[in-house]
Amino acid sequence: KIYKMSAIEKIPISSITHSSDNKFTAFNINNTFYFYDNVNDKLINLDKTQQHTAMVRSIEFSKDNRFVVTSSSDKLIKLWDTTDFKNYKTINVNKKIICATLNKDDSEILVSDKCGDVFRFSLVDDSKNAIAVESSDKSNKHDDRENDKNLAFGHYSSIVDIQFTKCFNYLLSADRDEKIRVSHYPNCFDIERFCLSHSKYITKVLVFSNKPELMVSGSGDGTIKLWDWKSGKCLQTVDFNDKQAGAITIPQCYNASSNQLFVTVEDTPIVYVLTLNGLQFSTDIKSVTVEGPAVAVDLVKENTLLVSLFKTEKESNLVNAIDLESLQVVSNDTPLVKNINSIEQSINSFKPAELKQIIENIEKKQYRKHVSYSKNPNGGNKKGGDDEDLSLDEEDLEENNNNNNKKDNRPLKLRKMTVEGAKEINEELKEKK
């Protein structure tokens, strides 16, 4: 869908999450982070001076719900206290963050940047965070990264999602070149497996809390795939291309109590419900139609699914809510929905180019714009209709080209993988086992 920037009067909510005790819902609109008190049904006013200055990329509650961690394209990680709703710590990582995740005890956060590297930062001991200062000499940037003490591992192309398995002994990392890598943690250079079956970029991966051996992934190839992630075996493929031409699938969230996976297809106003029976999804796929294209979906209260909408008109709603028992959209007058939809926005300060960047960053189709060191120096292994990454700085493209001309003599633990390389590694791992 093509959006006319002058017609955009509202920015959609790009991510939603909730605390494990269901007391709070957290979400963001561009750079602004919001708390919602589910118990008292009210929005919490946060200090505007403590907010991020660029789009929030990830929101995650700590395991005890004591704090929330947000990461942003402004290269900052912020920790927010859920007792007074203040930002009590900010870490400058000097990386343009794409996605992030917390480790088992919430002492560390792993963040990926747009060049496909994953870095590990301590949230409790600042002395462990050797914040790299990049050289002004572009020819040295590759070496600067290799010597960064916080570097955990990397891919050949931009990483779009990173998730821990339930045991936290493995890390799943998905990229724009169709690969899902399973790495041991904390020794991420030790590769367990690659999950290879998608034909286009990955959009998101999820692990099931009640079935820890399973993982699900979405992709620009229009499919949802169910995996035994440790063996790398694809157990099932659910194709959505018959429901939407050129479908881009996003597995949004999973309800362990009902074994239901909630899936959206970009640019469509439908939330699909897939029920997991053993090691297969049921062929009976249910659906709920909402007021506009669904962006983010999360189970924020018991039996309540909150759906953010890609509606940019001033009078349009930001969210709908779905009752999971009836699988019906609930009234927009319910407190949760009404209070969020009442948020006022002022976008007059944004230039058209800035609005364009914000909109592109919300859409998963941004992932078709490869950032890769592989065959095509300007765009990776392009698939049909794939574009170059318009969000890359010119210096990044120049850096990629320079790195392509260097012979890669790096050790395996830091070497990034092409799809072909991933297949070779999988074969080597099978032989060893």
Protein backbone atom coordinates (compact mmCIF):
# COMPACT_ATOMS: atom_id res chain seq x y z
CA LYS A 1 0.00 0.00 0.00
CA ILE A 2 1.29 3.47 -0.90
CA TYR A 3 0.75 6.17 1.71
CA LYS A 4 0.63 9.83 0.82
CA MET A 5 2.68 11.52 3.53
CA SER A 6 0.55 14.67 3.54
CA ALA A 7 -2.50 12.52 4.33
CA ILE A 8 -0.97 10.88 7.40
CA GLU A 9 -2.54 12.37 10.52
CA LYS A 10 -1.81 9.59 13.01
CA ILE A 11 1.09 7.21 13.64
CA PRO A 12 0.14 3.60 14.49
CA ILE A 13 1.26 1.71 17.59
CA SER A 14 4.16 -0.44 16.44
CA SER A 15 4.61 -2.82 19.39
CA ILE A 16 2.59 -4.09 22.35
CA THR A 17 3.55 -6.28 25.29
CA HIS A 18 2.34 -7.04 28.81
CA SER A 19 3.65 -7.96 32.24
CA SER A 20 3.46 -11.64 33.19
CA ASP A 21 1.08 -10.80 36.06
CA ASN A 22 -1.19 -8.94 33.59
CA LYS A 23 -1.08 -5.78 35.70
CA PHE A 24 0.45 -3.66 32.95
CA THR A 25 0.33 -3.24 29.20
CA ALA A 26 3.20 -1.42 27.49
CA PHE A 27 3.32 -0.07 23.94
CA ASN A 28 4.89 2.63 21.83
CA ILE A 29 3.95 5.15 19.20
CA ASN A 30 7.16 5.95 17.34
CA ASN A 31 9.60 7.16 20.03
CA THR A 32 7.03 7.55 22.81
CA PHE A 33 6.67 4.74 25.33
CA TYR A 34 3.39 4.19 27.25
CA PHE A 35 2.34 2.29 30.37
CA TYR A 36 -1.25 1.20 30.83
CA ASP A 37 -2.47 0.14 34.28
CA ASN A 38 -4.74 -2.84 33.63
CA VAL A 39 -5.90 -3.01 37.25
CA ASN A 40 -7.13 0.59 37.47
CA ASP A 41 -7.77 0.99 33.74
CA LYS A 42 -5.75 4.12 33.19
CA LEU A 43 -2.82 5.41 31.18
CA ILE A 44 0.28 6.34 33.18
CA ASN A 45 1.77 9.74 32.38
CA LEU A 46 5.51 9.48 31.79
CA ASP A 47 8.04 12.30 31.85
CA LYS A 48 8.39 13.44 28.23
CA THR A 49 12.00 14.48 28.80
CA GLN A 50 12.88 10.86 29.63
CA GLN A 51 11.48 9.41 26.41
CA HIS A 52 13.53 8.08 23.50
CA THR A 53 14.25 10.41 20.58
CA ALA A 54 13.81 7.81 17.82
CA MET A 55 11.54 4.82 17.23
CA VAL A 56 11.30 2.30 20.06
CA ARG A 57 12.41 -1.07 18.70
CA SER A 58 11.72 -3.40 21.63
CA ILE A 59 9.80 -3.46 24.92
CA GLU A 60 10.28 -6.23 27.46
CA PHE A 61 9.28 -6.67 31.10
CA SER A 62 11.71 -8.25 33.52
CA LYS A 63 10.77 -11.72 34.79
CA ASP A 64 9.62 -10.26 38.15
CA ASN A 65 7.85 -7.32 36.41
CA ARG A 66 9.93 -4.93 38.52
CA PHE A 67 11.15 -3.01 35.48
CA VAL A 68 10.71 -2.65 31.72
CA VAL A 69 13.54 -2.38 29.21
CA THR A 70 13.12 -0.42 25.99
CA SER A 71 15.58 -0.15 23.13
CA SER A 72 15.53 2.36 20.32
CA SER A 73 17.04 3.52 17.07
CA ASP A 74 18.45 6.43 19.08
CA LYS A 75 21.15 3.93 20.22
CA LEU A 76 19.85 3.97 23.79
CA ILE A 77 18.58 1.29 26.16
CA LYS A 78 16.30 2.57 28.92
CA LEU A 79 15.19 0.86 32.12
CA TRP A 80 11.84 1.93 33.57
CA ASP A 81 10.68 1.27 37.12
CA THR A 82 7.14 -0.15 37.33
CA THR A 83 6.62 1.25 40.84
CA ASP A 84 7.08 4.94 40.05
CA PHE A 85 7.15 4.73 36.21
CA LYS A 86 10.39 6.64 35.94
CA ASN A 87 13.40 6.00 33.75
CA TYR A 88 16.08 5.11 36.29
CA LYS A 89 18.86 4.05 33.93
CA THR A 90 19.95 4.79 30.36
CA ILE A 91 22.72 2.97 28.51
CA ASN A 92 24.26 4.39 25.34
CA VAL A 93 25.29 1.42 23.20
CA ASN A 94 26.34 3.46 20.16
CA LYS A 95 24.46 1.05 17.87
CA LYS A 96 21.33 1.62 15.80
CA ILE A 97 19.24 -1.09 17.41
CA ILE A 98 16.91 -3.30 15.33
CA CYS A 99 15.73 -5.77 17.99
CA ALA A 100 16.65 -6.89 21.51
CA THR A 101 15.97 -9.52 24.17
CA LEU A 102 16.77 -10.08 27.87
CA ASN A 103 18.70 -13.06 29.24
CA LYS A 104 17.43 -15.47 31.91
CA ASP A 105 18.12 -13.38 35.01
CA ASP A 106 17.61 -9.98 33.31
CA SER A 107 21.22 -9.04 33.98
CA GLU A 108 22.04 -8.65 30.30
CA ILE A 109 20.37 -7.49 27.13
CA LEU A 110 21.31 -8.66 23.66
CA VAL A 111 20.78 -6.19 20.82
CA SER A 112 21.21 -6.53 17.08
CA ASP A 113 22.20 -3.64 14.87
CA LYS A 114 21.44 -3.02 11.21
CA CYS A 115 24.71 -4.59 10.06
CA GLY A 116 23.74 -8.03 11.37
CA ASP A 117 25.83 -8.09 14.55
CA VAL A 118 24.54 -8.98 18.01
CA PHE A 119 26.04 -7.31 21.06
CA ARG A 120 25.75 -8.18 24.74
CA PHE A 121 25.39 -5.41 27.35
CA SER A 122 25.14 -5.65 31.11
CA LEU A 123 22.19 -3.95 32.81
CA VAL A 124 23.75 -4.23 36.28
CA ASP A 125 27.49 -3.66 35.82
CA ASP A 126 28.43 -0.74 33.59
CA SER A 127 32.10 -1.66 33.75
CA LYS A 128 31.36 -4.65 31.49
CA ASN A 129 30.02 -2.41 28.77
CA ALA A 130 32.95 -1.39 26.60
CA ILE A 131 31.09 1.09 24.43
CA ALA A 132 32.96 1.20 21.14
CA VAL A 133 33.80 4.55 19.60
CA GLU A 134 33.94 4.04 15.88
CA SER A 135 36.91 5.32 13.98
CA SER A 136 36.36 8.22 11.61
CA ASP A 137 38.36 6.21 9.08
CA LYS A 138 35.73 4.15 7.23
CA SER A 139 38.31 1.56 6.23
CA ASN A 140 38.77 0.69 9.90
CA LYS A 141 35.09 0.17 10.73
CA HIS A 142 35.24 -3.56 9.99
CA ASP A 143 38.18 -3.99 12.40
CA ASP A 144 36.46 -1.82 15.01
CA ARG A 145 33.53 -4.21 15.04
CA GLU A 146 35.72 -7.28 15.25
CA ASN A 147 37.49 -5.84 18.29
CA ASP A 148 34.31 -4.76 20.07
CA LYS A 149 34.34 -6.58 23.41
CA ASN A 150 30.54 -6.64 23.52
CA LEU A 151 30.22 -8.44 20.18
CA ALA A 152 28.55 -11.84 20.65
CA PHE A 153 28.11 -13.05 17.06
CA GLY A 154 26.84 -11.97 13.68
CA HIS A 155 24.93 -12.89 10.54
CA TYR A 156 25.71 -12.08 6.93
CA SER A 157 22.57 -9.93 6.71
CA SER A 158 20.50 -7.86 9.11
CA ILE A 159 18.96 -9.77 12.00
CA VAL A 160 15.24 -9.04 12.29
CA ASP A 161 14.49 -10.99 15.47
CA ILE A 162 16.30 -12.66 18.36
CA GLN A 163 14.60 -14.88 20.94
CA PHE A 164 15.78 -17.17 23.70
CA THR A 165 14.44 -20.69 23.98
CA LYS A 166 12.54 -21.46 27.19
CA CYS A 167 15.63 -23.04 28.83
CA PHE A 168 17.74 -19.97 27.91
CA ASN A 169 20.57 -22.27 26.83
CA TYR A 170 19.99 -21.44 23.16
CA LEU A 171 19.45 -18.25 21.21
CA LEU A 172 17.37 -18.08 18.04
CA SER A 173 18.33 -15.39 15.53
CA ALA A 174 16.44 -14.77 12.28
CA ASP A 175 17.61 -12.67 9.36
CA ARG A 176 16.67 -11.18 6.01
CA ASP A 177 18.38 -13.96 4.07
CA GLU A 178 15.83 -16.66 5.04
CA LYS A 179 17.92 -18.18 7.84
CA ILE A 180 17.15 -18.97 11.45
CA ARG A 181 20.28 -19.75 13.43
CA VAL A 182 20.24 -21.75 16.67
CA SER A 183 23.25 -20.81 18.81
CA HIS A 184 24.37 -22.02 22.19
CA TYR A 185 24.27 -19.40 24.92
CA PRO A 186 26.35 -17.73 26.29
CA ASN A 187 28.91 -19.19 23.85
CA CYS A 188 27.08 -17.94 20.77
CA PHE A 189 29.93 -18.91 18.44
CA ASP A 190 28.89 -22.53 19.07
CA ILE A 191 26.23 -23.16 16.41
CA GLU A 192 23.73 -25.91 17.13
CA ARG A 193 21.74 -25.75 13.91
CA PHE A 194 20.30 -23.68 11.10
CA CYS A 195 16.59 -23.86 10.30
CA LEU A 196 16.38 -23.53 6.53
CA SER A 197 13.10 -23.74 4.63
CA HIS A 198 11.79 -20.21 4.02
CA SER A 199 12.33 -18.73 0.57
CA LYS A 200 12.23 -15.07 1.65
CA TYR A 201 13.13 -12.94 4.64
CA ILE A 202 11.97 -13.90 8.13
CA THR A 203 9.57 -11.51 9.88
CA LYS A 204 9.45 -12.96 13.39
CA VAL A 205 10.08 -16.10 15.45
CA LEU A 206 8.22 -17.35 18.52
CA VAL A 207 8.82 -20.18 20.97
CA PHE A 208 5.97 -21.92 22.79
CA SER A 209 6.08 -21.72 26.58
CA ASN A 210 4.22 -25.02 27.05
CA LYS A 211 5.98 -26.81 24.19
CA PRO A 212 9.59 -25.66 24.54
CA GLU A 213 10.89 -27.87 21.72
CA LEU A 214 8.81 -25.98 19.16
CA MET A 215 9.35 -22.71 17.32
CA VAL A 216 7.19 -20.91 14.77
CA SER A 217 8.31 -18.42 12.14
CA GLY A 218 6.72 -16.03 9.67
CA SER A 219 8.13 -14.79 6.40
CA GLY A 220 7.81 -12.68 3.30
CA ASP A 221 7.20 -15.94 1.42
CA GLY A 222 3.65 -15.97 2.83
CA THR A 223 4.02 -19.03 5.06
CA ILE A 224 3.99 -19.87 8.75
CA LYS A 225 6.39 -22.68 9.58
CA LEU A 226 6.44 -24.91 12.66
CA TRP A 227 9.86 -26.22 13.67
CA ASP A 228 11.64 -28.61 15.94
CA TRP A 229 14.31 -25.96 16.40
CA LYS A 230 17.00 -28.19 17.90
CA SER A 231 16.99 -30.65 15.00
CA GLY A 232 16.30 -27.93 12.43
CA LYS A 233 13.36 -29.94 11.09
CA CYS A 234 10.36 -28.12 9.63
CA LEU A 235 7.31 -29.98 10.96
CA GLN A 236 4.60 -28.11 9.08
CA THR A 237 4.07 -25.28 6.61
CA VAL A 238 0.87 -23.24 6.57
CA ASP A 239 0.55 -21.21 3.36
CA PHE A 240 -1.37 -17.93 3.47
CA ASN A 241 -0.79 -16.97 -0.15
CA ASP A 242 -4.23 -18.30 -1.02
CA LYS A 243 -5.71 -15.78 1.40
CA GLN A 244 -3.66 -12.79 0.25
CA ALA A 245 -1.50 -12.45 -2.87
CA GLY A 246 2.10 -11.75 -1.88
CA ALA A 247 1.30 -12.47 1.75
CA ILE A 248 3.73 -11.39 4.48
CA THR A 249 3.02 -13.44 7.60
CA ILE A 250 3.73 -12.44 11.20
CA PRO A 251 3.26 -14.87 14.13
CA GLN A 252 2.20 -12.34 16.74
CA CYS A 253 1.67 -14.19 20.03
CA TYR A 254 0.72 -17.54 21.53
CA ASN A 255 -1.84 -18.41 24.21
CA ALA A 256 -0.52 -21.44 26.10
CA SER A 257 -3.80 -22.08 27.92
CA SER A 258 -5.67 -22.65 24.65
CA ASN A 259 -2.75 -23.63 22.38
CA GLN A 260 -3.74 -20.85 20.00
CA LEU A 261 -1.30 -18.97 17.79
CA PHE A 262 -2.39 -15.55 16.53
CA VAL A 263 -1.12 -14.64 13.08
CA THR A 264 -1.50 -11.54 10.93
CA VAL A 265 -0.84 -10.94 7.25
CA GLU A 266 0.55 -7.50 6.57
CA ASP A 267 -1.84 -4.97 5.02
CA THR A 268 -4.91 -7.05 5.89
CA PRO A 269 -7.50 -6.37 8.65
CA ILE A 270 -7.63 -9.97 9.81
CA VAL A 271 -6.24 -11.83 12.83
CA TYR A 272 -5.95 -15.56 12.12
CA VAL A 273 -6.21 -18.14 14.88
CA LEU A 274 -4.24 -21.38 14.49
CA THR A 275 -4.75 -24.14 17.06
CA LEU A 276 -1.81 -26.40 17.87
CA ASN A 277 -2.66 -30.07 18.27
CA GLY A 278 0.43 -32.01 19.28
CA LEU A 279 3.08 -31.26 16.66
CA GLN A 280 0.72 -29.88 14.00
CA PHE A 281 -1.61 -26.95 13.56
CA SER A 282 -5.24 -27.81 12.96
CA THR A 283 -6.46 -27.29 9.40
CA ASP A 284 -9.45 -25.38 10.81
CA ILE A 285 -8.11 -21.81 10.78
CA LYS A 286 -10.39 -19.25 12.40
CA SER A 287 -10.26 -15.52 11.75
CA VAL A 288 -11.42 -12.22 13.22
CA THR A 289 -11.79 -9.05 11.16
CA VAL A 290 -10.75 -5.76 12.79
CA GLU A 291 -11.18 -2.13 11.67
CA GLY A 292 -7.92 -1.85 9.78
CA PRO A 293 -4.67 -3.64 8.88
CA ALA A 294 -3.28 -5.29 12.02
CA VAL A 295 0.23 -4.22 13.09
CA ALA A 296 0.92 -5.62 16.56
CA VAL A 297 -1.10 -8.14 18.58
CA ASP A 298 -0.70 -9.19 22.20
CA LEU A 299 -2.66 -11.03 24.89
CA VAL A 300 -2.75 -8.19 27.38
CA LYS A 301 -5.47 -9.45 29.74
CA GLU A 302 -7.05 -12.80 30.37
CA ASN A 303 -9.09 -13.58 27.25
CA THR A 304 -8.38 -10.16 25.73
CA LEU A 305 -6.30 -9.70 22.61
CA LEU A 306 -5.21 -6.13 21.87
CA VAL A 307 -4.65 -5.32 18.19
CA SER A 308 -2.99 -2.15 16.95
CA LEU A 309 -4.30 -0.83 13.63
CA PHE A 310 -2.53 0.68 10.64
CA LYS A 311 -4.99 3.56 10.36
CA THR A 312 -3.53 7.01 9.73
CA GLU A 313 -6.65 9.20 9.62
CA LYS A 314 -7.07 11.60 12.53
CA GLU A 315 -10.40 10.19 13.69
CA SER A 316 -9.42 6.53 13.26
CA ASN A 317 -8.83 4.19 16.18
CA LEU A 318 -5.39 3.10 17.29
CA VAL A 319 -6.54 -0.29 18.59
CA ASN A 320 -9.30 -2.88 18.67
CA ALA A 321 -9.72 -5.60 21.27
CA ILE A 322 -10.83 -9.19 20.65
CA ASP A 323 -12.62 -11.37 23.16
CA LEU A 324 -11.01 -14.80 22.87
CA GLU A 325 -14.02 -16.77 24.09
CA SER A 326 -16.34 -15.42 21.41
CA LEU A 327 -13.62 -14.43 18.90
CA GLN A 328 -15.44 -11.15 18.42
CA VAL A 329 -14.22 -7.55 18.44
CA VAL A 330 -15.36 -5.97 21.71
CA SER A 331 -16.90 -2.53 22.04
CA ASN A 332 -14.58 0.43 21.57
CA ASP A 333 -16.17 1.86 24.72
CA THR A 334 -14.43 -0.64 26.98
CA PRO A 335 -11.93 1.27 29.20
CA LEU A 336 -8.77 -0.31 27.80
CA VAL A 337 -9.67 0.41 24.18
CA LYS A 338 -11.26 3.80 24.83
CA ASN A 339 -8.34 5.14 26.86
CA ILE A 340 -5.72 4.09 24.31
CA ASN A 341 -7.77 5.41 21.40
CA SER A 342 -8.05 8.75 23.19
CA ILE A 343 -4.28 9.38 22.97
CA GLU A 344 -3.72 12.60 21.10
CA GLN A 345 -0.93 12.95 18.58
CA SER A 346 0.75 15.92 17.03
CA ILE A 347 2.70 15.08 13.89
CA ASN A 348 3.03 18.61 12.50
CA SER A 349 6.68 18.70 13.54
CA PHE A 350 7.56 15.78 11.25
CA LYS A 351 8.86 16.37 7.76
CA PRO A 352 7.46 14.12 4.98
CA ALA A 353 10.76 12.21 4.80
CA GLU A 354 10.64 11.57 8.56
CA LEU A 355 7.05 10.33 8.37
CA LYS A 356 8.00 8.07 5.47
CA GLN A 357 10.81 6.55 7.53
CA ILE A 358 8.52 5.99 10.53
CA ILE A 359 5.87 4.28 8.38
CA GLU A 360 8.47 2.08 6.68
CA ASN A 361 9.95 1.06 10.02
CA ILE A 362 6.55 -0.15 11.23
CA GLU A 363 5.93 -2.38 8.21
CA LYS A 364 7.47 -5.84 8.05
CA LYS A 365 7.93 -5.46 4.31
CA GLN A 366 10.94 -3.33 5.23
CA TYR A 367 12.75 -6.63 5.71
CA ARG A 368 12.68 -7.37 1.97
CA LYS A 369 15.26 -4.63 1.62
CA HIS A 370 18.32 -6.75 2.18
CA VAL A 371 21.41 -5.59 4.02
CA SER A 372 23.90 -8.24 3.09
CA TYR A 373 27.55 -9.03 2.60
CA SER A 374 26.78 -11.88 0.23
CA LYS A 375 26.48 -12.14 -3.56
CA ASN A 376 25.06 -8.70 -4.27
CA PRO A 377 27.14 -6.06 -2.44
CA ASN A 378 24.28 -3.59 -2.53
CA GLY A 379 21.44 -5.86 -1.53
CA GLY A 380 22.22 -9.48 -0.71
CA ASN A 381 20.54 -12.37 -2.46
CA LYS A 382 17.59 -10.52 -3.97
CA LYS A 383 14.35 -12.35 -4.48
CA GLY A 384 11.57 -11.39 -6.83
CA GLY A 385 10.45 -7.86 -6.06
CA ASP A 386 13.08 -7.27 -3.37
CA ASP A 387 14.50 -3.78 -3.14
CA GLU A 388 17.69 -2.36 -1.77
CA ASP A 389 17.57 -1.10 1.79
CA LEU A 390 16.44 2.52 1.59
CA SER A 391 17.04 3.00 5.30
CA LEU A 392 20.78 2.40 5.05
CA ASP A 393 23.09 5.35 5.31
CA GLU A 394 25.39 5.88 2.34
CA GLU A 395 28.37 5.19 4.59
CA ASP A 396 26.90 1.79 5.49
CA LEU A 397 26.64 0.82 1.84
CA GLU A 398 30.21 1.95 1.27
CA GLU A 399 31.32 -0.03 4.31
CA ASN A 400 29.56 -3.15 3.02
CA ASN A 401 31.30 -2.83 -0.34
CA ASN A 402 34.68 -2.36 1.31
CA ASN A 403 34.14 -5.42 3.47
CA ASN A 404 33.17 -7.49 0.44
CA ASN A 405 36.56 -6.78 -1.08
CA LYS A 406 38.36 -8.11 1.99
CA LYS A 407 39.28 -11.76 2.23
CA ASP A 408 37.35 -13.19 5.18
CA ASN A 409 39.90 -14.85 7.44
CA ARG A 410 37.93 -14.37 10.63
CA PRO A 411 37.44 -17.32 12.98
CA LEU A 412 34.20 -19.31 12.79
CA LYS A 413 32.95 -17.86 16.07
CA LEU A 414 32.68 -14.41 14.49
CA ARG A 415 32.27 -15.28 10.82
CA LYS A 416 28.86 -14.51 9.40
CA MET A 417 26.94 -17.06 7.38
CA THR A 418 25.40 -17.05 3.94
CA VAL A 419 22.53 -19.44 3.23
CA GLU A 420 24.98 -21.68 1.38
CA GLY A 421 27.39 -21.52 4.31
CA ALA A 422 24.58 -22.36 6.72
CA LYS A 423 23.77 -25.50 4.74
CA GLU A 424 27.41 -26.55 4.85
CA ILE A 425 27.56 -25.99 8.61
CA ASN A 426 24.37 -28.05 9.07
CA GLU A 427 25.98 -30.94 7.19
CA GLU A 428 29.12 -30.68 9.31
CA LEU A 429 27.07 -30.70 12.50
CA LYS A 430 25.12 -33.76 11.36
CA GLU A 431 28.37 -35.63 10.66
CA LYS A 432 29.74 -34.80 14.10
CA LYS A 433 26.57 -36.06 15.78
